[in-house]
Amino acid sequence: MRCRGNFRRSQKRIIQAVDRMAESAHSLEAFEQADVEFHLALATAANNSVNLRIFQAVRTPVHKTLRVTNRGYLKGHGDLSEPILNHKKLVDFALSGDAKVAIEVLENMIKRSRARVLNNM
């Protein structure tokens, strides 16, 4: 992920999505919708029309996958504070220009999400 250019121009939308995730942590459905909006904002910020079209095409399966991972996390931990914190960290490192750490945070998030999906199949 590039941490400049269109990403910086799109930062407000991305930050707002993370803020909505934090605000909606009490409602799993609202949290999931904000999570999907976060991913859409990232796809849009990448300024890659192919990736954006792919994301739009798979939006429903992405939403279902996020539902499984978020519900699995909630069941195991009781709240969504860590996923919210991880999304904030990802945005903070990306906006600061530290792409290496942002990618590490993202890879860890994906690894944990994958494990939750596989454990709930």
Foldseek 3Di string as FASTA:
>chain_A
DALDDLCVVLLVQLVVLLVQLVVCQVPLVSNLVSVLSNVLSVQVSVVDVVSNVVCVVCSVVVSVLSSQLQVLCCVVPVTCVVVSVLSVVLSVCSNVRNVVVSVVSVVVVVVSSVVSSVVVD
